[in-house]
PDB file of N, CA and C in Angstrom:
ATOM      1  N   MET A   1     -25.446  14.530  81.480  1.00  0.00           N
ATOM      2  CA  MET A   1     -24.298  15.133  80.842  1.00  0.00           C
ATOM      3  C   MET A   1     -24.173  14.533  79.449  1.00  0.00           C
ATOM      4  N   ASP A   2     -23.991  15.370  78.463  1.00  0.00           N
ATOM      5  CA  ASP A   2     -23.859  14.835  77.121  1.00  0.00           C
ATOM      6  C   ASP A   2     -22.417  14.419  76.852  1.00  0.00           C
ATOM      7  N   GLU A   3     -22.234  13.734  75.747  1.00  0.00           N
ATOM      8  CA  GLU A   3     -20.924  13.181  75.402  1.00  0.00           C
ATOM      9  C   GLU A   3     -19.858  14.259  75.274  1.00  0.00           C
ATOM     10  N   MET A   4     -20.222  15.423  74.735  1.00  0.00           N
ATOM     11  CA  MET A   4     -19.256  16.505  74.571  1.00  0.00           C
ATOM     12  C   MET A   4     -18.748  16.992  75.931  1.00  0.00           C
ATOM     13  N   LYS A   5     -19.666  17.176  76.870  1.00  0.00           N
ATOM     14  CA  LYS A   5     -19.265  17.647  78.201  1.00  0.00           C
ATOM     15  C   LYS A   5     -18.366  16.614  78.879  1.00  0.00           C
ATOM     16  N   ARG A   6     -18.713  15.338  78.710  1.00  0.00           N
ATOM     17  CA  ARG A   6     -17.921  14.269  79.314  1.00  0.00           C
ATOM     18  C   ARG A   6     -16.504  14.282  78.752  1.00  0.00           C
ATOM     19  N   LYS A   7     -16.375  14.394  77.439  1.00  0.00           N
ATOM     20  CA  LYS A   7     -15.057  14.439  76.817  1.00  0.00           C
ATOM     21  C   LYS A   7     -14.286  15.674  77.250  1.00  0.00           C
ATOM     22  N   GLU A   8     -14.985  16.793  77.378  1.00  0.00           N
ATOM     23  CA  GLU A   8     -14.346  18.031  77.825  1.00  0.00           C
ATOM     24  C   GLU A   8     -13.780  17.864  79.230  1.00  0.00           C
ATOM     25  N   MET A   9     -14.557  17.235  80.106  1.00  0.00           N
ATOM     26  CA  MET A   9     -14.107  17.010  81.469  1.00  0.00           C
ATOM     27  C   MET A   9     -12.845  16.152  81.471  1.00  0.00           C
ATOM     28  N   LEU A  10     -12.852  15.088  80.668  1.00  0.00           N
ATOM     29  CA  LEU A  10     -11.699  14.203  80.631  1.00  0.00           C
ATOM     30  C   LEU A  10     -10.488  14.873  80.003  1.00  0.00           C
ATOM     31  N   SER A  11     -10.701  15.755  79.018  1.00  0.00           N
ATOM     32  CA  SER A  11      -9.580  16.427  78.362  1.00  0.00           C
ATOM     33  C   SER A  11      -8.915  17.443  79.287  1.00  0.00           C
ATOM     34  N   CYS A  12      -9.608  17.898  80.298  1.00  0.00           N
ATOM     35  CA  CYS A  12      -9.044  18.846  81.263  1.00  0.00           C
ATOM     36  C   CYS A  12      -8.352  18.127  82.412  1.00  0.00           C
ATOM     37  N   ASN A  13      -8.138  16.836  82.232  1.00  0.00           N
ATOM     38  CA  ASN A  13      -7.496  16.007  83.247  1.00  0.00           C
ATOM     39  C   ASN A  13      -8.275  15.956  84.552  1.00  0.00           C
ATOM     40  N   GLU A  14      -9.558  16.177  84.474  1.00  0.00           N
ATOM     41  CA  GLU A  14     -10.415  16.015  85.636  1.00  0.00           C
ATOM     42  C   GLU A  14     -10.927  14.586  85.617  1.00  0.00           C
ATOM     43  N   GLN A  15     -10.516  13.812  86.605  1.00  0.00           N
ATOM     44  CA  GLN A  15     -10.905  12.413  86.649  1.00  0.00           C
ATOM     45  C   GLN A  15     -12.247  12.275  87.360  1.00  0.00           C
ATOM     46  N   PRO A  16     -13.205  11.642  86.692  1.00  0.00           N
ATOM     47  CA  PRO A  16     -14.504  11.439  87.338  1.00  0.00           C
ATOM     48  C   PRO A  16     -14.367  10.489  88.520  1.00  0.00           C
ATOM     49  N   ASN A  17     -15.184  10.717  89.520  1.00  0.00           N
ATOM     50  CA  ASN A  17     -15.195   9.833  90.679  1.00  0.00           C
ATOM     51  C   ASN A  17     -16.451   8.962  90.624  1.00  0.00           C
ATOM     52  N   LYS A  18     -16.665   8.199  91.673  1.00  0.00           N
ATOM     53  CA  LYS A  18     -17.803   7.286  91.748  1.00  0.00           C
ATOM     54  C   LYS A  18     -19.130   8.017  91.537  1.00  0.00           C
ATOM     55  N   ILE A  19     -19.258   9.180  92.131  1.00  0.00           N
ATOM     56  CA  ILE A  19     -20.501   9.949  92.029  1.00  0.00           C
ATOM     57  C   ILE A  19     -20.696  10.456  90.605  1.00  0.00           C
ATOM     58  N   THR A  20     -19.644  10.986  90.009  1.00  0.00           N
ATOM     59  CA  THR A  20     -19.731  11.495  88.643  1.00  0.00           C
ATOM     60  C   THR A  20     -20.149  10.396  87.680  1.00  0.00           C
ATOM     61  N   TYR A  21     -19.472   9.256  87.776  1.00  0.00           N
ATOM     62  CA  TYR A  21     -19.820   8.140  86.899  1.00  0.00           C
ATOM     63  C   TYR A  21     -21.274   7.718  87.096  1.00  0.00           C
ATOM     64  N   THR A  22     -21.701   7.602  88.344  1.00  0.00           N
ATOM     65  CA  THR A  22     -23.065   7.141  88.617  1.00  0.00           C
ATOM     66  C   THR A  22     -24.102   8.110  88.066  1.00  0.00           C
ATOM     67  N   VAL A  23     -23.848   9.395  88.193  1.00  0.00           N
ATOM     68  CA  VAL A  23     -24.783  10.400  87.668  1.00  0.00           C
ATOM     69  C   VAL A  23     -24.881  10.294  86.149  1.00  0.00           C
ATOM     70  N   ILE A  24     -23.748  10.118  85.484  1.00  0.00           N
ATOM     71  CA  ILE A  24     -23.765  10.003  84.025  1.00  0.00           C
ATOM     72  C   ILE A  24     -24.444   8.699  83.604  1.00  0.00           C
ATOM     73  N   ILE A  25     -24.163   7.608  84.313  1.00  0.00           N
ATOM     74  CA  ILE A  25     -24.823   6.328  84.029  1.00  0.00           C
ATOM     75  C   ILE A  25     -26.330   6.479  84.185  1.00  0.00           C
ATOM     76  N   ASP A  26     -26.749   7.155  85.232  1.00  0.00           N
ATOM     77  CA  ASP A  26     -28.175   7.385  85.461  1.00  0.00           C
ATOM     78  C   ASP A  26     -28.783   8.185  84.300  1.00  0.00           C
ATOM     79  N   GLY A  27     -28.074   9.188  83.846  1.00  0.00           N
ATOM     80  CA  GLY A  27     -28.563   9.989  82.717  1.00  0.00           C
ATOM     81  C   GLY A  27     -28.723   9.151  81.462  1.00  0.00           C
ATOM     82  N   TYR A  28     -27.715   8.328  81.172  1.00  0.00           N
ATOM     83  CA  TYR A  28     -27.818   7.437  80.014  1.00  0.00           C
ATOM     84  C   TYR A  28     -29.026   6.514  80.152  1.00  0.00           C
ATOM     85  N   CYS A  29     -29.232   5.955  81.329  1.00  0.00           N
ATOM     86  CA  CYS A  29     -30.363   5.046  81.548  1.00  0.00           C
ATOM     87  C   CYS A  29     -31.693   5.765  81.322  1.00  0.00           C
ATOM     88  N   LYS A  30     -31.807   6.972  81.850  1.00  0.00           N
ATOM     89  CA  LYS A  30     -33.052   7.722  81.694  1.00  0.00           C
ATOM     90  C   LYS A  30     -33.333   8.087  80.236  1.00  0.00           C
ATOM     91  N   LEU A  31     -32.265   8.191  79.456  1.00  0.00           N
ATOM     92  CA  LEU A  31     -32.428   8.492  78.035  1.00  0.00           C
ATOM     93  C   LEU A  31     -32.606   7.230  77.193  1.00  0.00           C
ATOM     94  N   GLY A  32     -32.581   6.079  77.857  1.00  0.00           N
ATOM     95  CA  GLY A  32     -32.722   4.823  77.135  1.00  0.00           C
ATOM     96  C   GLY A  32     -31.448   4.389  76.432  1.00  0.00           C
ATOM     97  N   ARG A  33     -30.355   4.981  76.804  1.00  0.00           N
ATOM     98  CA  ARG A  33     -29.055   4.668  76.181  1.00  0.00           C
ATOM     99  C   ARG A  33     -28.317   3.651  77.055  1.00  0.00           C
ATOM    100  N   ILE A  34     -28.901   2.463  77.099  1.00  0.00           N
ATOM    101  CA  ILE A  34     -28.415   1.404  77.985  1.00  0.00           C
ATOM    102  C   ILE A  34     -27.012   0.956  77.600  1.00  0.00           C
ATOM    103  N   LYS A  35     -26.764   0.830  76.313  1.00  0.00           N
ATOM    104  CA  LYS A  35     -25.440   0.406  75.859  1.00  0.00           C
ATOM    105  C   LYS A  35     -24.367   1.353  76.383  1.00  0.00           C
ATOM    106  N   GLU A  36     -24.613   2.654  76.262  1.00  0.00           N
ATOM    107  CA  GLU A  36     -23.646   3.635  76.743  1.00  0.00           C
ATOM    108  C   GLU A  36     -23.477   3.558  78.258  1.00  0.00           C
ATOM    109  N   ALA A  37     -24.566   3.276  78.962  1.00  0.00           N
ATOM    110  CA  ALA A  37     -24.486   3.150  80.419  1.00  0.00           C
ATOM    111  C   ALA A  37     -23.547   2.013  80.805  1.00  0.00           C
ATOM    112  N   PHE A  38     -23.684   0.873  80.121  1.00  0.00           N
ATOM    113  CA  PHE A  38     -22.812  -0.257  80.431  1.00  0.00           C
ATOM    114  C   PHE A  38     -21.381  -0.025  79.965  1.00  0.00           C
ATOM    115  N   GLU A  39     -21.211   0.676  78.859  1.00  0.00           N
ATOM    116  CA  GLU A  39     -19.859   1.022  78.422  1.00  0.00           C
ATOM    117  C   GLU A  39     -19.182   1.916  79.454  1.00  0.00           C
ATOM    118  N   LEU A  40     -19.942   2.868  79.999  1.00  0.00           N
ATOM    119  CA  LEU A  40     -19.384   3.751  81.016  1.00  0.00           C
ATOM    120  C   LEU A  40     -19.089   2.983  82.297  1.00  0.00           C
ATOM    121  N   LEU A  41     -19.933   2.027  82.644  1.00  0.00           N
ATOM    122  CA  LEU A  41     -19.659   1.181  83.809  1.00  0.00           C
ATOM    123  C   LEU A  41     -18.339   0.439  83.616  1.00  0.00           C
ATOM    124  N   SER A  42     -18.121  -0.098  82.433  1.00  0.00           N
ATOM    125  CA  SER A  42     -16.855  -0.785  82.143  1.00  0.00           C
ATOM    126  C   SER A  42     -15.678   0.180  82.227  1.00  0.00           C
ATOM    127  N   GLU A  43     -15.862   1.398  81.706  1.00  0.00           N
ATOM    128  CA  GLU A  43     -14.807   2.414  81.778  1.00  0.00           C
ATOM    129  C   GLU A  43     -14.513   2.758  83.235  1.00  0.00           C
ATOM    130  N   MET A  44     -15.562   2.911  84.012  1.00  0.00           N
ATOM    131  CA  MET A  44     -15.435   3.230  85.431  1.00  0.00           C
ATOM    132  C   MET A  44     -14.548   2.205  86.124  1.00  0.00           C
ATOM    133  N   ILE A  45     -14.857   0.951  85.913  1.00  0.00           N
ATOM    134  CA  ILE A  45     -14.098  -0.127  86.541  1.00  0.00           C
ATOM    135  C   ILE A  45     -12.676  -0.163  85.995  1.00  0.00           C
ATOM    136  N   GLY A  46     -12.549   0.029  84.684  1.00  0.00           N
ATOM    137  CA  GLY A  46     -11.228   0.042  84.068  1.00  0.00           C
ATOM    138  C   GLY A  46     -10.336   1.153  84.591  1.00  0.00           C
ATOM    139  N   ASN A  47     -10.946   2.247  85.025  1.00  0.00           N
ATOM    140  CA  ASN A  47     -10.183   3.369  85.590  1.00  0.00           C
ATOM    141  C   ASN A  47      -9.971   3.238  87.091  1.00  0.00           C
ATOM    142  N   GLY A  48     -10.324   2.067  87.632  1.00  0.00           N
ATOM    143  CA  GLY A  48     -10.073   1.812  89.048  1.00  0.00           C
ATOM    144  C   GLY A  48     -11.086   2.423  89.995  1.00  0.00           C
ATOM    145  N   VAL A  49     -12.236   2.821  89.470  1.00  0.00           N
ATOM    146  CA  VAL A  49     -13.286   3.381  90.320  1.00  0.00           C
ATOM    147  C   VAL A  49     -14.331   2.285  90.529  1.00  0.00           C
ATOM    148  N   ASP A  50     -14.462   1.828  91.773  1.00  0.00           N
ATOM    149  CA  ASP A  50     -15.392   0.749  92.078  1.00  0.00           C
ATOM    150  C   ASP A  50     -16.819   1.254  92.191  1.00  0.00           C
ATOM    151  N   PRO A  51     -17.738   0.623  91.455  1.00  0.00           N
ATOM    152  CA  PRO A  51     -19.148   0.978  91.613  1.00  0.00           C
ATOM    153  C   PRO A  51     -19.596   0.676  93.044  1.00  0.00           C
ATOM    154  N   ASP A  52     -20.558   1.427  93.502  1.00  0.00           N
ATOM    155  CA  ASP A  52     -21.103   1.184  94.837  1.00  0.00           C
ATOM    156  C   ASP A  52     -22.560   0.762  94.705  1.00  0.00           C
ATOM    157  N   PRO A  53     -23.231   0.495  95.817  1.00  0.00           N
ATOM    158  CA  PRO A  53     -24.634   0.078  95.737  1.00  0.00           C
ATOM    159  C   PRO A  53     -25.530   1.067  94.988  1.00  0.00           C
ATOM    160  N   VAL A  54     -25.242   2.355  95.075  1.00  0.00           N
ATOM    161  CA  VAL A  54     -26.059   3.342  94.363  1.00  0.00           C
ATOM    162  C   VAL A  54     -25.929   3.147  92.851  1.00  0.00           C
ATOM    163  N   THR A  55     -24.722   2.853  92.392  1.00  0.00           N
ATOM    164  CA  THR A  55     -24.512   2.592  90.965  1.00  0.00           C
ATOM    165  C   THR A  55     -25.357   1.402  90.534  1.00  0.00           C
ATOM    166  N   TYR A  56     -25.331   0.337  91.323  1.00  0.00           N
ATOM    167  CA  TYR A  56     -26.086  -0.864  90.964  1.00  0.00           C
ATOM    168  C   TYR A  56     -27.595  -0.662  91.078  1.00  0.00           C
ATOM    169  N   ILE A  57     -28.026   0.145  92.026  1.00  0.00           N
ATOM    170  CA  ILE A  57     -29.464   0.445  92.130  1.00  0.00           C
ATOM    171  C   ILE A  57     -29.906   1.228  90.892  1.00  0.00           C
ATOM    172  N   THR A  58     -29.059   2.136  90.443  1.00  0.00           N
ATOM    173  CA  THR A  58     -29.349   2.892  89.228  1.00  0.00           C
ATOM    174  C   THR A  58     -29.558   1.934  88.063  1.00  0.00           C
ATOM    175  N   LEU A  59     -28.690   0.952  87.932  1.00  0.00           N
ATOM    176  CA  LEU A  59     -28.821  -0.022  86.851  1.00  0.00           C
ATOM    177  C   LEU A  59     -30.004  -0.962  87.088  1.00  0.00           C
ATOM    178  N   ALA A  60     -30.285  -1.283  88.342  1.00  0.00           N
ATOM    179  CA  ALA A  60     -31.426  -2.161  88.647  1.00  0.00           C
ATOM    180  C   ALA A  60     -32.740  -1.535  88.205  1.00  0.00           C
ATOM    181  N   ASN A  61     -32.835  -0.223  88.288  1.00  0.00           N
ATOM    182  CA  ASN A  61     -34.044   0.452  87.822  1.00  0.00           C
ATOM    183  C   ASN A  61     -34.282   0.195  86.336  1.00  0.00           C
ATOM    184  N   VAL A  62     -33.195   0.077  85.575  1.00  0.00           N
ATOM    185  CA  VAL A  62     -33.314  -0.229  84.155  1.00  0.00           C
ATOM    186  C   VAL A  62     -33.860  -1.639  83.977  1.00  0.00           C
ATOM    187  N   PHE A  63     -33.423  -2.568  84.832  1.00  0.00           N
ATOM    188  CA  PHE A  63     -33.887  -3.952  84.718  1.00  0.00           C
ATOM    189  C   PHE A  63     -35.399  -4.026  84.883  1.00  0.00           C
ATOM    190  N   CYS A  64     -35.904  -3.242  85.800  1.00  0.00           N
ATOM    191  CA  CYS A  64     -37.345  -3.244  86.040  1.00  0.00           C
ATOM    192  C   CYS A  64     -38.097  -2.793  84.788  1.00  0.00           C
ATOM    193  N   LYS A  65     -37.513  -1.881  84.055  1.00  0.00           N
ATOM    194  CA  LYS A  65     -38.153  -1.361  82.851  1.00  0.00           C
ATOM    195  C   LYS A  65     -37.884  -2.226  81.626  1.00  0.00           C
ATOM    196  N   GLU A  66     -36.686  -2.787  81.551  1.00  0.00           N
ATOM    197  CA  GLU A  66     -36.271  -3.514  80.350  1.00  0.00           C
ATOM    198  C   GLU A  66     -36.564  -5.014  80.411  1.00  0.00           C
ATOM    199  N   GLY A  67     -36.823  -5.535  81.608  1.00  0.00           N
ATOM    200  CA  GLY A  67     -37.174  -6.941  81.718  1.00  0.00           C
ATOM    201  C   GLY A  67     -36.011  -7.858  82.012  1.00  0.00           C
ATOM    202  N   LYS A  68     -36.308  -9.129  81.967  1.00  0.00           N
ATOM    203  CA  LYS A  68     -35.378 -10.165  82.391  1.00  0.00           C
ATOM    204  C   LYS A  68     -34.113 -10.234  81.540  1.00  0.00           C
ATOM    205  N   GLU A  69     -34.197  -9.967  80.260  1.00  0.00           N
ATOM    206  CA  GLU A  69     -33.018 -10.043  79.401  1.00  0.00           C
ATOM    207  C   GLU A  69     -31.900  -9.140  79.925  1.00  0.00           C
ATOM    208  N   MET A  70     -32.269  -7.949  80.368  1.00  0.00           N
ATOM    209  CA  MET A  70     -31.285  -7.022  80.916  1.00  0.00           C
ATOM    210  C   MET A  70     -30.682  -7.588  82.203  1.00  0.00           C
ATOM    211  N   LEU A  71     -31.488  -8.224  83.030  1.00  0.00           N
ATOM    212  CA  LEU A  71     -30.992  -8.815  84.270  1.00  0.00           C
ATOM    213  C   LEU A  71     -29.967  -9.898  83.975  1.00  0.00           C
ATOM    214  N   ILE A  72     -30.200 -10.686  82.967  1.00  0.00           N
ATOM    215  CA  ILE A  72     -29.249 -11.725  82.580  1.00  0.00           C
ATOM    216  C   ILE A  72     -27.924 -11.099  82.172  1.00  0.00           C
ATOM    217  N   LYS A  73     -27.973  -9.983  81.450  1.00  0.00           N
ATOM    218  CA  LYS A  73     -26.751  -9.308  81.026  1.00  0.00           C
ATOM    219  C   LYS A  73     -25.945  -8.813  82.223  1.00  0.00           C
ATOM    220  N   ILE A  74     -26.604  -8.216  83.200  1.00  0.00           N
ATOM    221  CA  ILE A  74     -25.860  -7.703  84.352  1.00  0.00           C
ATOM    222  C   ILE A  74     -25.320  -8.838  85.206  1.00  0.00           C
ATOM    223  N   GLU A  75     -26.067  -9.927  85.318  1.00  0.00           N
ATOM    224  CA  GLU A  75     -25.554 -11.074  86.064  1.00  0.00           C
ATOM    225  C   GLU A  75     -24.277 -11.580  85.415  1.00  0.00           C
ATOM    226  N   TRP A  76     -24.254 -11.625  84.098  1.00  0.00           N
ATOM    227  CA  TRP A  76     -23.053 -12.056  83.388  1.00  0.00           C
ATOM    228  C   TRP A  76     -21.899 -11.102  83.696  1.00  0.00           C
ATOM    229  N   LYS A  77     -22.170  -9.825  83.639  1.00  0.00           N
ATOM    230  CA  LYS A  77     -21.124  -8.842  83.913  1.00  0.00           C
ATOM    231  C   LYS A  77     -20.605  -8.975  85.343  1.00  0.00           C
ATOM    232  N   LEU A  78     -21.488  -9.208  86.278  1.00  0.00           N
ATOM    233  CA  LEU A  78     -21.068  -9.378  87.668  1.00  0.00           C
ATOM    234  C   LEU A  78     -20.184 -10.607  87.828  1.00  0.00           C
ATOM    235  N   GLN A  79     -20.494 -11.654  87.110  1.00  0.00           N
ATOM    236  CA  GLN A  79     -19.716 -12.887  87.193  1.00  0.00           C
ATOM    237  C   GLN A  79     -18.350 -12.746  86.541  1.00  0.00           C
ATOM    238  N   HIS A  80     -18.185 -11.739  85.711  1.00  0.00           N
ATOM    239  CA  HIS A  80     -16.934 -11.579  84.982  1.00  0.00           C
ATOM    240  C   HIS A  80     -16.126 -10.374  85.443  1.00  0.00           C
ATOM    241  N   GLY A  81     -16.192 -10.082  86.713  1.00  0.00           N
ATOM    242  CA  GLY A  81     -15.227  -9.147  87.276  1.00  0.00           C
ATOM    243  C   GLY A  81     -15.708  -7.790  87.711  1.00  0.00           C
ATOM    244  N   ILE A  82     -16.966  -7.452  87.545  1.00  0.00           N
ATOM    245  CA  ILE A  82     -17.412  -6.163  88.056  1.00  0.00           C
ATOM    246  C   ILE A  82     -17.443  -6.254  89.571  1.00  0.00           C
ATOM    247  N   ARG A  83     -16.803  -5.309  90.216  1.00  0.00           N
ATOM    248  CA  ARG A  83     -16.724  -5.321  91.673  1.00  0.00           C
ATOM    249  C   ARG A  83     -17.683  -4.301  92.267  1.00  0.00           C
ATOM    250  N   CYS A  84     -18.121  -4.591  93.448  1.00  0.00           N
ATOM    251  CA  CYS A  84     -18.971  -3.648  94.169  1.00  0.00           C
ATOM    252  C   CYS A  84     -18.502  -3.603  95.607  1.00  0.00           C
ATOM    253  N   HIS A  85     -18.194  -2.420  96.076  1.00  0.00           N
ATOM    254  CA  HIS A  85     -17.763  -2.235  97.458  1.00  0.00           C
ATOM    255  C   HIS A  85     -18.713  -1.297  98.164  1.00  0.00           C
ATOM    256  N   SER A  86     -19.028  -1.616  99.384  1.00  0.00           N
ATOM    257  CA  SER A  86     -19.888  -0.733 100.175  1.00  0.00           C
ATOM    258  C   SER A  86     -19.112   0.516 100.533  1.00  0.00           C
ATOM    259  N   PRO A  87     -19.826   1.638 100.674  1.00  0.00           N
ATOM    260  CA  PRO A  87     -19.142   2.894 101.021  1.00  0.00           C
ATOM    261  C   PRO A  87     -18.539   2.843 102.403  1.00  0.00           C
TER     262      PRO A  87
END
């Protein structure tokens, strides 16, 4: 989903759920837009939507491609309040 579609969805008062966020995060990752993926993860959590294991697996795939530096970044984020709940 591109940024315009995402903004359109939010402007119509349609609140994204866990699945919507994860799909968009996955799209950003596949496009190499890692910064946007993490920004959306922060937005997701800020809006009270808890990431699930699928969200984290999506991000883990990026770690495999991007290397250890990316893993260090996610570990930091996990230590600073990102929550994960099983479905």
